[in-house]
């Protein structure tokens, strides 16, 4: 389990998690869903997801109902 100390560490932990999951499950990641947080919505994530064929889905802005789903799912990772 990886704990993220700072938001700037999110990309590196995500990349390692993707590699680990793809090896364990022997399949690719099709899509990820997140809020509009800057830790997920930046050039590094965009480039990595484009290279890996991962679709990024974002919840609608200013909708705590949708953002709560994303946050609960992120907690389980």
PDB file of N, CA and C in Angstrom:
ATOM      1  N   UNK A   1       0.851  -1.179   0.000  1.00  0.00           N
ATOM      2  CA  UNK A   1       0.000   0.000   0.000  1.00  0.00           C
ATOM      3  C   UNK A   1       0.892   1.237   0.000  1.00  0.00           C
ATOM      4  N   UNK A   2       0.572   2.187  -0.833  1.00  0.00           N
ATOM      5  CA  UNK A   2       1.342   3.423  -0.932  1.00  0.00           C
ATOM      6  C   UNK A   2       0.555   4.575  -0.333  1.00  0.00           C
ATOM      7  N   UNK A   3       1.175   5.263   0.584  1.00  0.00           N
ATOM      8  CA  UNK A   3       0.565   6.452   1.152  1.00  0.00           C
ATOM      9  C   UNK A   3       1.200   7.670   0.503  1.00  0.00           C
ATOM     10  N   UNK A   4       0.389   8.630   0.188  1.00  0.00           N
ATOM     11  CA  UNK A   4       0.874   9.836  -0.485  1.00  0.00           C
ATOM     12  C   UNK A   4       1.028  10.936   0.560  1.00  0.00           C
ATOM     13  N   UNK A   5       2.249  11.401   0.725  1.00  0.00           N
ATOM     14  CA  UNK A   5       2.510  12.456   1.711  1.00  0.00           C
ATOM     15  C   UNK A   5       2.122  13.835   1.170  1.00  0.00           C
ATOM     16  N   UNK A   6       2.394  14.061  -0.113  1.00  0.00           N
ATOM     17  CA  UNK A   6       2.087  15.344  -0.724  1.00  0.00           C
ATOM     18  C   UNK A   6       1.388  15.110  -2.057  1.00  0.00           C
ATOM     19  N   UNK A   7       0.582  16.061  -2.474  1.00  0.00           N
ATOM     20  CA  UNK A   7      -0.135  15.916  -3.739  1.00  0.00           C
ATOM     21  C   UNK A   7       0.807  15.799  -4.919  1.00  0.00           C
ATOM     22  N   UNK A   8       1.982  16.347  -4.794  1.00  0.00           N
ATOM     23  CA  UNK A   8       2.952  16.278  -5.896  1.00  0.00           C
ATOM     24  C   UNK A   8       3.463  14.857  -6.118  1.00  0.00           C
ATOM     25  N   UNK A   9       3.282  13.970  -5.152  1.00  0.00           N
ATOM     26  CA  UNK A   9       3.720  12.575  -5.286  1.00  0.00           C
ATOM     27  C   UNK A   9       2.680  11.703  -5.989  1.00  0.00           C
ATOM     28  N   UNK A  10       1.512  12.232  -6.275  1.00  0.00           N
ATOM     29  CA  UNK A  10       0.401  11.443  -6.803  1.00  0.00           C
ATOM     30  C   UNK A  10       0.757  10.756  -8.116  1.00  0.00           C
ATOM     31  N   UNK A  11       1.383  11.466  -9.029  1.00  0.00           N
ATOM     32  CA  UNK A  11       1.674  10.883 -10.338  1.00  0.00           C
ATOM     33  C   UNK A  11       2.597   9.672 -10.226  1.00  0.00           C
ATOM     34  N   UNK A  12       3.666   9.789  -9.455  1.00  0.00           N
ATOM     35  CA  UNK A  12       4.615   8.684  -9.328  1.00  0.00           C
ATOM     36  C   UNK A  12       3.958   7.457  -8.699  1.00  0.00           C
ATOM     37  N   UNK A  13       3.140   7.666  -7.693  1.00  0.00           N
ATOM     38  CA  UNK A  13       2.440   6.557  -7.043  1.00  0.00           C
ATOM     39  C   UNK A  13       1.426   5.941  -8.006  1.00  0.00           C
ATOM     40  N   UNK A  14       0.721   6.790  -8.761  1.00  0.00           N
ATOM     41  CA  UNK A  14      -0.240   6.297  -9.749  1.00  0.00           C
ATOM     42  C   UNK A  14       0.443   5.449 -10.814  1.00  0.00           C
ATOM     43  N   UNK A  15       1.557   5.918 -11.309  1.00  0.00           N
ATOM     44  CA  UNK A  15       2.287   5.206 -12.349  1.00  0.00           C
ATOM     45  C   UNK A  15       2.748   3.841 -11.841  1.00  0.00           C
ATOM     46  N   UNK A  16       3.281   3.792 -10.621  1.00  0.00           N
ATOM     47  CA  UNK A  16       3.702   2.520 -10.028  1.00  0.00           C
ATOM     48  C   UNK A  16       2.514   1.588  -9.827  1.00  0.00           C
ATOM     49  N   UNK A  17       1.385   2.143  -9.381  1.00  0.00           N
ATOM     50  CA  UNK A  17       0.179   1.342  -9.168  1.00  0.00           C
ATOM     51  C   UNK A  17      -0.329   0.762 -10.488  1.00  0.00           C
ATOM     52  N   UNK A  18      -0.311   1.551 -11.551  1.00  0.00           N
ATOM     53  CA  UNK A  18      -0.732   1.065 -12.872  1.00  0.00           C
ATOM     54  C   UNK A  18       0.131  -0.101 -13.314  1.00  0.00           C
ATOM     55  N   UNK A  19       1.428   0.039 -13.182  1.00  0.00           N
ATOM     56  CA  UNK A  19       2.342  -1.024 -13.575  1.00  0.00           C
ATOM     57  C   UNK A  19       2.078  -2.284 -12.762  1.00  0.00           C
ATOM     58  N   UNK A  20       1.914  -2.124 -11.467  1.00  0.00           N
ATOM     59  CA  UNK A  20       1.665  -3.268 -10.592  1.00  0.00           C
ATOM     60  C   UNK A  20       0.355  -3.968 -10.957  1.00  0.00           C
ATOM     61  N   UNK A  21      -0.710  -3.203 -11.155  1.00  0.00           N
ATOM     62  CA  UNK A  21      -2.006  -3.797 -11.491  1.00  0.00           C
ATOM     63  C   UNK A  21      -1.976  -4.500 -12.847  1.00  0.00           C
ATOM     64  N   UNK A  22      -1.311  -3.895 -13.813  1.00  0.00           N
ATOM     65  CA  UNK A  22      -1.254  -4.493 -15.138  1.00  0.00           C
ATOM     66  C   UNK A  22      -0.472  -5.807 -15.120  1.00  0.00           C
ATOM     67  N   UNK A  23       0.547  -5.892 -14.287  1.00  0.00           N
ATOM     68  CA  UNK A  23       1.304  -7.146 -14.177  1.00  0.00           C
ATOM     69  C   UNK A  23       0.505  -8.212 -13.447  1.00  0.00           C
ATOM     70  N   UNK A  24      -0.131  -7.829 -12.343  1.00  0.00           N
ATOM     71  CA  UNK A  24      -0.885  -8.797 -11.537  1.00  0.00           C
ATOM     72  C   UNK A  24      -2.111  -9.327 -12.276  1.00  0.00           C
ATOM     73  N   UNK A  25      -2.843  -8.444 -12.922  1.00  0.00           N
ATOM     74  CA  UNK A  25      -4.105  -8.824 -13.560  1.00  0.00           C
ATOM     75  C   UNK A  25      -3.944  -9.213 -15.024  1.00  0.00           C
ATOM     76  N   UNK A  26      -2.773  -8.955 -15.583  1.00  0.00           N
ATOM     77  CA  UNK A  26      -2.488  -9.260 -16.997  1.00  0.00           C
ATOM     78  C   UNK A  26      -3.501  -8.623 -17.946  1.00  0.00           C
ATOM     79  N   UNK A  27      -3.884  -7.416 -17.644  1.00  0.00           N
ATOM     80  CA  UNK A  27      -4.764  -6.653 -18.536  1.00  0.00           C
ATOM     81  C   UNK A  27      -4.470  -5.170 -18.335  1.00  0.00           C
ATOM     82  N   UNK A  28      -4.908  -4.375 -19.278  1.00  0.00           N
ATOM     83  CA  UNK A  28      -4.655  -2.948 -19.221  1.00  0.00           C
ATOM     84  C   UNK A  28      -5.718  -2.201 -18.434  1.00  0.00           C
ATOM     85  N   UNK A  29      -5.437  -0.984 -18.125  1.00  0.00           N
ATOM     86  CA  UNK A  29      -6.391  -0.110 -17.456  1.00  0.00           C
ATOM     87  C   UNK A  29      -7.097   0.689 -18.536  1.00  0.00           C
ATOM     88  N   UNK A  30      -8.417   0.633 -18.549  1.00  0.00           N
ATOM     89  CA  UNK A  30      -9.184   1.282 -19.606  1.00  0.00           C
ATOM     90  C   UNK A  30      -9.479   2.741 -19.281  1.00  0.00           C
ATOM     91  N   UNK A  31      -9.823   3.023 -18.034  1.00  0.00           N
ATOM     92  CA  UNK A  31     -10.179   4.400 -17.678  1.00  0.00           C
ATOM     93  C   UNK A  31      -9.977   4.632 -16.198  1.00  0.00           C
ATOM     94  N   UNK A  32      -9.781   5.899 -15.871  1.00  0.00           N
ATOM     95  CA  UNK A  32      -9.719   6.314 -14.472  1.00  0.00           C
ATOM     96  C   UNK A  32     -10.719   7.447 -14.288  1.00  0.00           C
ATOM     97  N   UNK A  33     -11.251   7.546 -13.108  1.00  0.00           N
ATOM     98  CA  UNK A  33     -12.221   8.599 -12.797  1.00  0.00           C
ATOM     99  C   UNK A  33     -11.705   9.379 -11.595  1.00  0.00           C
ATOM    100  N   UNK A  34     -11.772  10.690 -11.695  1.00  0.00           N
ATOM    101  CA  UNK A  34     -11.297  11.528 -10.601  1.00  0.00           C
ATOM    102  C   UNK A  34     -12.047  12.849 -10.594  1.00  0.00           C
ATOM    103  N   UNK A  35     -11.835  13.597  -9.531  1.00  0.00           N
ATOM    104  CA  UNK A  35     -12.384  14.938  -9.451  1.00  0.00           C
ATOM    105  C   UNK A  35     -11.486  15.877 -10.250  1.00  0.00           C
ATOM    106  N   UNK A  36     -11.739  17.128 -10.203  1.00  0.00           N
ATOM    107  CA  UNK A  36     -10.923  18.098 -10.945  1.00  0.00           C
ATOM    108  C   UNK A  36      -9.750  18.598 -10.109  1.00  0.00           C
ATOM    109  N   UNK A  37      -9.223  17.740  -9.247  1.00  0.00           N
ATOM    110  CA  UNK A  37      -8.074  18.137  -8.438  1.00  0.00           C
ATOM    111  C   UNK A  37      -6.837  18.298  -9.295  1.00  0.00           C
ATOM    112  N   UNK A  38      -6.001  19.228  -8.930  1.00  0.00           N
ATOM    113  CA  UNK A  38      -4.799  19.489  -9.730  1.00  0.00           C
ATOM    114  C   UNK A  38      -3.822  18.324  -9.687  1.00  0.00           C
ATOM    115  N   UNK A  39      -3.959  17.439  -8.697  1.00  0.00           N
ATOM    116  CA  UNK A  39      -3.048  16.299  -8.650  1.00  0.00           C
ATOM    117  C   UNK A  39      -3.350  15.291  -9.754  1.00  0.00           C
ATOM    118  N   UNK A  40      -4.567  15.322 -10.312  1.00  0.00           N
ATOM    119  CA  UNK A  40      -4.935  14.411 -11.391  1.00  0.00           C
ATOM    120  C   UNK A  40      -5.073  15.101 -12.740  1.00  0.00           C
ATOM    121  N   UNK A  41      -5.251  16.376 -12.747  1.00  0.00           N
ATOM    122  CA  UNK A  41      -5.494  17.109 -13.990  1.00  0.00           C
ATOM    123  C   UNK A  41      -4.284  17.980 -14.312  1.00  0.00           C
ATOM    124  N   UNK A  42      -3.265  17.348 -14.903  1.00  0.00           N
ATOM    125  CA  UNK A  42      -2.060  18.090 -15.265  1.00  0.00           C
ATOM    126  C   UNK A  42      -1.405  17.430 -16.479  1.00  0.00           C
ATOM    127  N   UNK A  43      -0.355  18.019 -16.965  1.00  0.00           N
ATOM    128  CA  UNK A  43       0.281  17.554 -18.203  1.00  0.00           C
ATOM    129  C   UNK A  43       0.887  16.163 -18.055  1.00  0.00           C
ATOM    130  N   UNK A  44       1.460  15.855 -16.901  1.00  0.00           N
ATOM    131  CA  UNK A  44       2.052  14.531 -16.693  1.00  0.00           C
ATOM    132  C   UNK A  44       0.998  13.431 -16.833  1.00  0.00           C
ATOM    133  N   UNK A  45      -0.131  13.612 -16.146  1.00  0.00           N
ATOM    134  CA  UNK A  45      -1.207  12.630 -16.218  1.00  0.00           C
ATOM    135  C   UNK A  45      -1.755  12.526 -17.633  1.00  0.00           C
ATOM    136  N   UNK A  46      -1.970  13.666 -18.269  1.00  0.00           N
ATOM    137  CA  UNK A  46      -2.505  13.670 -19.636  1.00  0.00           C
ATOM    138  C   UNK A  46      -1.592  12.889 -20.583  1.00  0.00           C
ATOM    139  N   UNK A  47      -0.306  13.157 -20.516  1.00  0.00           N
ATOM    140  CA  UNK A  47       0.652  12.503 -21.403  1.00  0.00           C
ATOM    141  C   UNK A  47       0.726  11.011 -21.119  1.00  0.00           C
ATOM    142  N   UNK A  48       0.791  10.635 -19.839  1.00  0.00           N
ATOM    143  CA  UNK A  48       0.878   9.213 -19.478  1.00  0.00           C
ATOM    144  C   UNK A  48      -0.374   8.460 -19.926  1.00  0.00           C
ATOM    145  N   UNK A  49      -1.532   9.027 -19.648  1.00  0.00           N
ATOM    146  CA  UNK A  49      -2.781   8.363 -20.027  1.00  0.00           C
ATOM    147  C   UNK A  49      -2.909   8.253 -21.535  1.00  0.00           C
ATOM    148  N   UNK A  50      -2.489   9.252 -22.256  1.00  0.00           N
ATOM    149  CA  UNK A  50      -2.525   9.205 -23.714  1.00  0.00           C
ATOM    150  C   UNK A  50      -1.605   8.109 -24.240  1.00  0.00           C
ATOM    151  N   UNK A  51      -0.394   8.018 -23.685  1.00  0.00           N
ATOM    152  CA  UNK A  51       0.559   6.992 -24.112  1.00  0.00           C
ATOM    153  C   UNK A  51       0.060   5.584 -23.801  1.00  0.00           C
ATOM    154  N   UNK A  52      -0.610   5.420 -22.662  1.00  0.00           N
ATOM    155  CA  UNK A  52      -1.063   4.101 -22.220  1.00  0.00           C
ATOM    156  C   UNK A  52      -2.461   3.744 -22.719  1.00  0.00           C
ATOM    157  N   UNK A  53      -3.148   4.689 -23.364  1.00  0.00           N
ATOM    158  CA  UNK A  53      -4.500   4.432 -23.854  1.00  0.00           C
ATOM    159  C   UNK A  53      -5.546   4.434 -22.754  1.00  0.00           C
ATOM    160  N   UNK A  54      -5.285   5.163 -21.691  1.00  0.00           N
ATOM    161  CA  UNK A  54      -6.207   5.258 -20.559  1.00  0.00           C
ATOM    162  C   UNK A  54      -7.085   6.485 -20.747  1.00  0.00           C
ATOM    163  N   UNK A  55      -8.386   6.311 -20.599  1.00  0.00           N
ATOM    164  CA  UNK A  55      -9.323   7.426 -20.712  1.00  0.00           C
ATOM    165  C   UNK A  55      -9.498   8.049 -19.338  1.00  0.00           C
ATOM    166  N   UNK A  56      -9.342   9.358 -19.261  1.00  0.00           N
ATOM    167  CA  UNK A  56      -9.554  10.074 -18.006  1.00  0.00           C
ATOM    168  C   UNK A  56     -10.971  10.616 -17.976  1.00  0.00           C
ATOM    169  N   UNK A  57     -11.690  10.319 -16.910  1.00  0.00           N
ATOM    170  CA  UNK A  57     -13.030  10.877 -16.708  1.00  0.00           C
ATOM    171  C   UNK A  57     -12.984  11.755 -15.470  1.00  0.00           C
ATOM    172  N   UNK A  58     -13.583  12.915 -15.580  1.00  0.00           N
ATOM    173  CA  UNK A  58     -13.630  13.834 -14.451  1.00  0.00           C
ATOM    174  C   UNK A  58     -15.077  14.048 -14.039  1.00  0.00           C
ATOM    175  N   UNK A  59     -15.299  14.171 -12.745  1.00  0.00           N
ATOM    176  CA  UNK A  59     -16.647  14.482 -12.279  1.00  0.00           C
ATOM    177  C   UNK A  59     -16.972  15.922 -12.667  1.00  0.00           C
ATOM    178  N   UNK A  60     -18.232  16.238 -12.691  1.00  0.00           N
ATOM    179  CA  UNK A  60     -18.643  17.598 -13.033  1.00  0.00           C
ATOM    180  C   UNK A  60     -18.149  18.568 -11.963  1.00  0.00           C
ATOM    181  N   UNK A  61     -17.713  19.751 -12.378  1.00  0.00           N
ATOM    182  CA  UNK A  61     -17.231  20.713 -11.389  1.00  0.00           C
ATOM    183  C   UNK A  61     -18.356  21.183 -10.468  1.00  0.00           C
ATOM    184  N   UNK A  62     -17.982  21.427  -9.244  1.00  0.00           N
ATOM    185  CA  UNK A  62     -18.878  21.950  -8.215  1.00  0.00           C
ATOM    186  C   UNK A  62     -20.089  21.031  -8.011  1.00  0.00           C
ATOM    187  N   UNK A  63     -19.838  19.732  -7.994  1.00  0.00           N
ATOM    188  CA  UNK A  63     -20.894  18.763  -7.672  1.00  0.00           C
ATOM    189  C   UNK A  63     -20.361  17.831  -6.590  1.00  0.00           C
ATOM    190  N   UNK A  64     -20.566  18.184  -5.348  1.00  0.00           N
ATOM    191  CA  UNK A  64     -20.042  17.345  -4.266  1.00  0.00           C
ATOM    192  C   UNK A  64     -20.606  15.922  -4.295  1.00  0.00           C
ATOM    193  N   UNK A  65     -21.791  15.740  -4.865  1.00  0.00           N
ATOM    194  CA  UNK A  65     -22.378  14.405  -4.925  1.00  0.00           C
ATOM    195  C   UNK A  65     -21.489  13.475  -5.762  1.00  0.00           C
ATOM    196  N   UNK A  66     -21.048  13.941  -6.913  1.00  0.00           N
ATOM    197  CA  UNK A  66     -20.185  13.122  -7.760  1.00  0.00           C
ATOM    198  C   UNK A  66     -18.788  13.028  -7.185  1.00  0.00           C
ATOM    199  N   UNK A  67     -18.291  14.106  -6.641  1.00  0.00           N
ATOM    200  CA  UNK A  67     -16.942  14.110  -6.103  1.00  0.00           C
ATOM    201  C   UNK A  67     -16.831  13.130  -4.936  1.00  0.00           C
ATOM    202  N   UNK A  68     -17.884  12.971  -4.170  1.00  0.00           N
ATOM    203  CA  UNK A  68     -17.859  12.037  -3.051  1.00  0.00           C
ATOM    204  C   UNK A  68     -17.634  10.612  -3.505  1.00  0.00           C
ATOM    205  N   UNK A  69     -18.217  10.231  -4.634  1.00  0.00           N
ATOM    206  CA  UNK A  69     -18.025   8.884  -5.175  1.00  0.00           C
ATOM    207  C   UNK A  69     -16.563   8.675  -5.516  1.00  0.00           C
ATOM    208  N   UNK A  70     -15.971   9.652  -6.168  1.00  0.00           N
ATOM    209  CA  UNK A  70     -14.564   9.559  -6.548  1.00  0.00           C
ATOM    210  C   UNK A  70     -13.702   9.444  -5.307  1.00  0.00           C
ATOM    211  N   UNK A  71     -13.947  10.283  -4.324  1.00  0.00           N
ATOM    212  CA  UNK A  71     -13.130  10.264  -3.112  1.00  0.00           C
ATOM    213  C   UNK A  71     -13.262   8.928  -2.381  1.00  0.00           C
ATOM    214  N   UNK A  72     -14.448   8.361  -2.314  1.00  0.00           N
ATOM    215  CA  UNK A  72     -14.620   7.066  -1.650  1.00  0.00           C
ATOM    216  C   UNK A  72     -13.869   5.976  -2.406  1.00  0.00           C
ATOM    217  N   UNK A  73     -13.917   6.006  -3.726  1.00  0.00           N
ATOM    218  CA  UNK A  73     -13.216   4.991  -4.512  1.00  0.00           C
ATOM    219  C   UNK A  73     -11.699   5.161  -4.366  1.00  0.00           C
ATOM    220  N   UNK A  74     -11.206   6.404  -4.327  1.00  0.00           N
ATOM    221  CA  UNK A  74      -9.776   6.626  -4.160  1.00  0.00           C
ATOM    222  C   UNK A  74      -9.307   6.111  -2.804  1.00  0.00           C
ATOM    223  N   UNK A  75     -10.136   6.225  -1.792  1.00  0.00           N
ATOM    224  CA  UNK A  75      -9.765   5.750  -0.465  1.00  0.00           C
ATOM    225  C   UNK A  75      -9.533   4.247  -0.468  1.00  0.00           C
ATOM    226  N   UNK A  76     -10.272   3.509  -1.299  1.00  0.00           N
ATOM    227  CA  UNK A  76     -10.133   2.050  -1.300  1.00  0.00           C
ATOM    228  C   UNK A  76      -8.889   1.590  -2.036  1.00  0.00           C
ATOM    229  N   UNK A  77      -8.313   2.450  -2.878  1.00  0.00           N
ATOM    230  CA  UNK A  77      -7.083   2.081  -3.571  1.00  0.00           C
ATOM    231  C   UNK A  77      -5.953   2.090  -2.584  1.00  0.00           C
TER     232      UNK A  77
END
